[in-house]
Amino acid sequence: MSKRRRVVSPRIVVPHHGVGLWFLVVVLVLTSIAGAFFIGAFLAREEAKTYRGMIHALEQERNQLNEQLVVLKQEQIVLKRTTQVDQETSRAAQENLKAAQDERLVLEKQVSFLKRLIREGGGGLLKVHDFLLTPSEEERVFKYSFTVSQMIQGFGESAGSVAVKLAGKRDGKEVLLGVDELVGSTPDSHKLRFKHFQSIEGTLKIPEDLDPETLLIEIEPTTKKLIPISETYPWKSGE
């Protein structure tokens, strides 16, 4: 019988100094990773502190800007109110000045009429007031109205005629047209007969080639010792 031979497996023998080397390498790697982690965490924490400081500074700057904005808005409100008050004061002053000028003009006209009344030996004097000119629904057609009354109380009945004339420019030339020359205008003339006052109304149709400038109202009395008068109004249709 043959004797079996025992096969001996080779043994790998790791030197003790090699294990220590690998262990050292692993430790160094772990240490490097841990060091990198802690360094990164430290840098991140420092960077976060820097960012927090910047955010805090920006928030303070934002708050300051908001406060300045509130102050500026308040100043703007005060300035706007002051401007409105100034404008209203200026407008009121202009209106008062215009009213005073109009009143002075009326007084000057009355004085002039009375002087004329005395000079010409008249006994009564008419006046035109409450003149109004407004556009109608029809193109280039305007309505006018005014009142004629006696300036001298107790004069008695006043009679006469009223002529309305329109002054303007046609082809660059000054023209004066009566109502009868303005086709489509009515009436051609007005008759007066009253003791206290009489209202006058009519319409004017303006030709396409005419640029109106002023409206002339002429009153020719038929009553004795009643002085004729005329009034001129600038063309303002209230448009």
Protein backbone atom coordinates (compact mmCIF):
# COMPACT_ATOMS: atom_id res chain seq x y z
CA MET A 1 0.00 0.00 0.00
CA SER A 2 1.33 3.19 -0.98
CA LYS A 3 1.59 5.97 1.60
CA ARG A 4 -0.37 9.21 0.88
CA ARG A 5 1.62 12.29 0.83
CA ARG A 6 0.35 15.26 2.62
CA VAL A 7 0.31 18.45 0.58
CA VAL A 8 1.28 21.38 2.63
CA SER A 9 -0.40 24.67 1.63
CA PRO A 10 1.93 27.61 1.42
CA ARG A 11 1.58 30.10 4.27
CA ILE A 12 1.63 33.73 3.64
CA VAL A 13 3.58 35.37 6.21
CA VAL A 14 3.06 39.10 6.55
CA PRO A 15 5.92 40.80 8.16
CA HIS A 16 5.00 42.63 11.34
CA HIS A 17 6.55 45.84 10.15
CA GLY A 18 4.20 45.88 7.07
CA VAL A 19 1.05 45.85 9.25
CA GLY A 20 2.28 48.80 11.20
CA LEU A 21 2.90 50.69 7.99
CA TRP A 22 -0.63 50.12 6.69
CA PHE A 23 -2.09 51.10 10.01
CA LEU A 24 -0.06 54.27 9.97
CA VAL A 25 -1.26 55.09 6.48
CA VAL A 26 -4.90 54.57 7.48
CA VAL A 27 -4.43 56.72 10.55
CA LEU A 28 -2.85 59.46 8.46
CA VAL A 29 -5.68 59.36 5.94
CA LEU A 30 -8.33 59.49 8.64
CA THR A 31 -6.44 62.24 10.39
CA SER A 32 -6.22 64.20 7.12
CA ILE A 33 -9.94 63.75 6.50
CA ALA A 34 -10.82 64.76 10.04
CA GLY A 35 -8.45 67.72 9.82
CA ALA A 36 -9.91 68.78 6.51
CA PHE A 37 -13.42 68.45 7.96
CA PHE A 38 -12.61 70.50 11.03
CA ILE A 39 -10.72 73.10 8.98
CA GLY A 40 -13.65 73.30 6.55
CA ALA A 41 -16.10 73.59 9.45
CA PHE A 42 -13.96 76.31 11.01
CA LEU A 43 -13.68 78.21 7.74
CA ALA A 44 -17.40 77.80 7.12
CA ARG A 45 -18.17 79.06 10.62
CA GLU A 46 -15.88 82.06 10.12
CA GLU A 47 -17.38 82.71 6.70
CA ALA A 48 -20.85 82.44 8.22
CA LYS A 49 -19.85 84.99 10.86
CA THR A 50 -18.65 87.29 8.09
CA TYR A 51 -21.90 86.85 6.15
CA ARG A 52 -23.97 87.40 9.30
CA GLY A 53 -22.03 90.60 9.90
CA MET A 54 -22.65 91.71 6.32
CA ILE A 55 -26.36 90.81 6.58
CA HIS A 56 -26.64 92.72 9.84
CA ALA A 57 -24.95 95.76 8.30
CA LEU A 58 -27.24 95.56 5.26
CA GLU A 59 -30.30 95.27 7.51
CA GLN A 60 -29.21 98.36 9.44
CA GLU A 61 -28.64 100.22 6.19
CA ARG A 62 -32.06 99.07 4.96
CA ASN A 63 -33.70 100.27 8.16
CA GLN A 64 -31.97 103.63 7.85
CA LEU A 65 -33.11 103.94 4.24
CA ASN A 66 -36.67 103.06 5.26
CA GLU A 67 -36.58 105.75 7.95
CA GLN A 68 -35.24 108.27 5.44
CA LEU A 69 -37.96 107.21 2.99
CA VAL A 70 -40.66 107.78 5.61
CA VAL A 71 -39.23 111.23 6.36
CA LEU A 72 -39.09 112.08 2.66
CA LYS A 73 -42.70 110.97 2.16
CA GLN A 74 -43.82 113.13 5.07
CA GLU A 75 -41.88 116.08 3.66
CA GLN A 76 -43.45 115.43 0.26
CA ILE A 77 -46.94 115.44 1.79
CA VAL A 78 -46.19 118.71 3.62
CA LEU A 79 -44.71 120.23 0.45
CA LYS A 80 -47.73 119.12 -1.61
CA ARG A 81 -50.13 120.63 0.91
CA THR A 82 -48.10 123.84 1.04
CA THR A 83 -48.09 123.99 -2.77
CA GLN A 84 -51.86 123.44 -2.89
CA VAL A 85 -52.40 126.18 -0.31
CA ASP A 86 -50.15 128.53 -2.27
CA GLN A 87 -51.97 127.71 -5.51
CA GLU A 88 -55.37 128.22 -3.90
CA THR A 89 -54.20 131.48 -2.35
CA SER A 90 -52.81 132.65 -5.68
CA ARG A 91 -55.99 131.62 -7.51
CA ALA A 92 -58.16 133.38 -4.94
CA ALA A 93 -56.00 136.51 -5.22
CA GLN A 94 -56.28 136.43 -9.02
CA GLU A 95 -60.04 135.97 -8.82
CA ASN A 96 -60.35 138.85 -6.37
CA LEU A 97 -58.15 141.01 -8.58
CA LYS A 98 -60.23 140.16 -11.65
CA ALA A 99 -63.45 140.86 -9.74
CA ALA A 100 -62.06 144.21 -8.59
CA GLN A 101 -60.96 145.06 -12.13
CA ASP A 102 -64.37 144.09 -13.52
CA GLU A 103 -66.11 146.18 -10.87
CA ARG A 104 -63.83 149.12 -11.62
CA LEU A 105 -64.55 148.76 -15.33
CA VAL A 106 -68.30 148.77 -14.66
CA LEU A 107 -67.97 151.87 -12.51
CA GLU A 108 -65.86 153.60 -15.14
CA LYS A 109 -68.50 152.79 -17.77
CA GLN A 110 -71.26 154.12 -15.55
CA VAL A 111 -69.35 157.33 -14.90
CA SER A 112 -68.70 157.68 -18.63
CA PHE A 113 -72.39 157.10 -19.42
CA LEU A 114 -73.50 159.62 -16.81
CA LYS A 115 -71.06 162.21 -18.14
CA ARG A 116 -72.43 161.58 -21.60
CA LEU A 117 -75.99 161.82 -20.25
CA ILE A 118 -75.24 165.22 -18.75
CA ARG A 119 -73.31 166.42 -21.78
CA GLU A 120 -76.00 165.44 -24.29
CA GLY A 121 -78.89 166.52 -22.10
CA GLY A 122 -80.52 163.09 -22.00
CA GLY A 123 -83.03 161.90 -19.47
CA GLY A 124 -82.52 158.12 -19.57
CA LEU A 125 -79.68 155.71 -20.10
CA LEU A 126 -79.81 151.99 -20.89
CA LYS A 127 -77.25 149.35 -19.95
CA VAL A 128 -76.46 145.84 -21.22
CA HIS A 129 -75.60 143.13 -18.69
CA ASP A 130 -75.60 139.35 -18.08
CA PHE A 131 -74.21 138.67 -21.55
CA LEU A 132 -73.80 134.95 -22.30
CA LEU A 133 -72.56 133.11 -25.40
CA THR A 134 -72.80 129.30 -25.62
CA PRO A 135 -72.34 126.73 -28.40
CA SER A 136 -75.38 124.81 -29.61
CA GLU A 137 -75.64 121.20 -30.76
CA GLU A 138 -75.32 122.33 -34.38
CA GLU A 139 -71.78 122.94 -35.62
CA ARG A 140 -70.68 126.60 -35.73
CA VAL A 141 -74.05 127.76 -34.37
CA PHE A 142 -74.00 129.71 -31.08
CA LYS A 143 -76.69 131.02 -28.76
CA TYR A 144 -76.44 134.46 -27.21
CA SER A 145 -78.46 136.17 -24.51
CA PHE A 146 -78.28 139.41 -22.54
CA THR A 147 -80.46 141.81 -20.61
CA VAL A 148 -81.18 145.49 -21.29
CA SER A 149 -82.33 147.67 -18.40
CA GLN A 150 -82.70 151.34 -17.51
CA MET A 151 -79.94 152.93 -15.39
CA ILE A 152 -82.11 155.89 -14.35
CA GLN A 153 -84.88 154.73 -12.05
CA GLY A 154 -88.32 156.10 -12.78
CA PHE A 155 -87.51 157.14 -16.35
CA GLY A 156 -90.61 155.41 -17.69
CA GLU A 157 -91.06 153.22 -20.73
CA SER A 158 -88.01 152.67 -22.93
CA ALA A 159 -88.33 151.70 -26.57
CA GLY A 160 -85.91 151.15 -29.41
CA SER A 161 -84.08 148.51 -31.43
CA VAL A 162 -81.08 146.30 -30.82
CA ALA A 163 -78.57 145.36 -33.52
CA VAL A 164 -76.09 142.51 -33.00
CA LYS A 165 -72.95 142.57 -35.15
CA LEU A 166 -69.98 140.23 -35.40
CA ALA A 167 -66.42 141.45 -35.98
CA GLY A 168 -63.73 139.06 -37.20
CA LYS A 169 -61.24 138.21 -39.92
CA ARG A 170 -61.92 136.80 -43.36
CA ASP A 171 -58.95 136.02 -45.57
CA GLY A 172 -56.79 138.08 -43.20
CA LYS A 173 -59.01 141.16 -43.48
CA GLU A 174 -61.12 142.77 -40.73
CA VAL A 175 -64.87 142.54 -41.38
CA LEU A 176 -67.99 143.64 -39.47
CA LEU A 177 -71.14 141.68 -40.29
CA GLY A 178 -74.72 142.20 -39.14
CA VAL A 179 -76.95 139.28 -38.22
CA ASP A 180 -78.78 139.65 -41.53
CA GLU A 181 -75.45 138.97 -43.29
CA LEU A 182 -74.85 135.75 -41.35
CA VAL A 183 -76.99 133.20 -43.16
CA GLY A 184 -78.83 130.94 -40.72
CA SER A 185 -78.72 133.44 -37.82
CA THR A 186 -81.91 134.64 -36.15
CA PRO A 187 -83.45 137.09 -35.58
CA ASP A 188 -82.11 139.85 -37.81
CA SER A 189 -82.89 142.50 -35.15
CA HIS A 190 -84.58 142.94 -31.78
CA LYS A 191 -87.27 145.41 -30.70
CA LEU A 192 -87.16 146.99 -27.24
CA ARG A 193 -90.13 148.09 -25.16
CA PHE A 194 -89.96 147.86 -21.39
CA LYS A 195 -90.23 149.81 -18.14
CA HIS A 196 -87.69 147.92 -16.03
CA PHE A 197 -85.75 145.40 -18.15
CA GLN A 198 -86.00 143.13 -21.20
CA SER A 199 -84.17 139.86 -22.01
CA ILE A 200 -82.78 139.36 -25.49
CA GLU A 201 -81.96 135.98 -27.10
CA GLY A 202 -80.81 134.82 -30.53
CA THR A 203 -78.54 132.51 -32.52
CA LEU A 204 -75.52 133.16 -34.70
CA LYS A 205 -74.26 130.85 -37.44
CA ILE A 206 -70.60 131.49 -38.18
CA PRO A 207 -69.41 131.03 -41.79
CA GLU A 208 -66.56 128.56 -42.34
CA ASP A 209 -64.27 131.30 -43.71
CA LEU A 210 -64.80 133.68 -40.78
CA ASP A 211 -62.74 133.81 -37.56
CA PRO A 212 -64.91 135.66 -34.98
CA GLU A 213 -63.19 138.06 -32.59
CA THR A 214 -65.76 140.33 -30.94
CA LEU A 215 -69.50 140.76 -30.67
CA LEU A 216 -70.97 144.27 -30.91
CA ILE A 217 -74.36 145.18 -29.41
CA GLU A 218 -75.83 148.50 -30.53
CA ILE A 219 -79.00 149.98 -29.01
CA GLU A 220 -80.80 152.74 -30.88
CA PRO A 221 -83.65 154.17 -28.75
CA THR A 222 -86.83 155.64 -30.18
CA THR A 223 -87.89 157.13 -26.86
CA LYS A 224 -87.05 160.81 -26.53
CA LYS A 225 -84.16 161.77 -24.24
CA LEU A 226 -82.93 158.16 -24.23
CA ILE A 227 -79.25 158.04 -25.27
CA PRO A 228 -78.06 155.35 -27.72
CA ILE A 229 -75.32 153.01 -26.45
CA SER A 230 -73.06 150.23 -27.71
CA GLU A 231 -71.22 147.41 -25.95
CA THR A 232 -68.43 145.16 -27.23
CA TYR A 233 -67.70 141.67 -25.93
CA PRO A 234 -64.76 139.41 -26.83
CA TRP A 235 -65.72 136.19 -28.58
CA LYS A 236 -65.79 133.58 -25.82
CA SER A 237 -68.22 130.79 -26.51
CA GLY A 238 -67.61 128.90 -23.23
CA GLU A 239 -66.18 125.82 -25.06
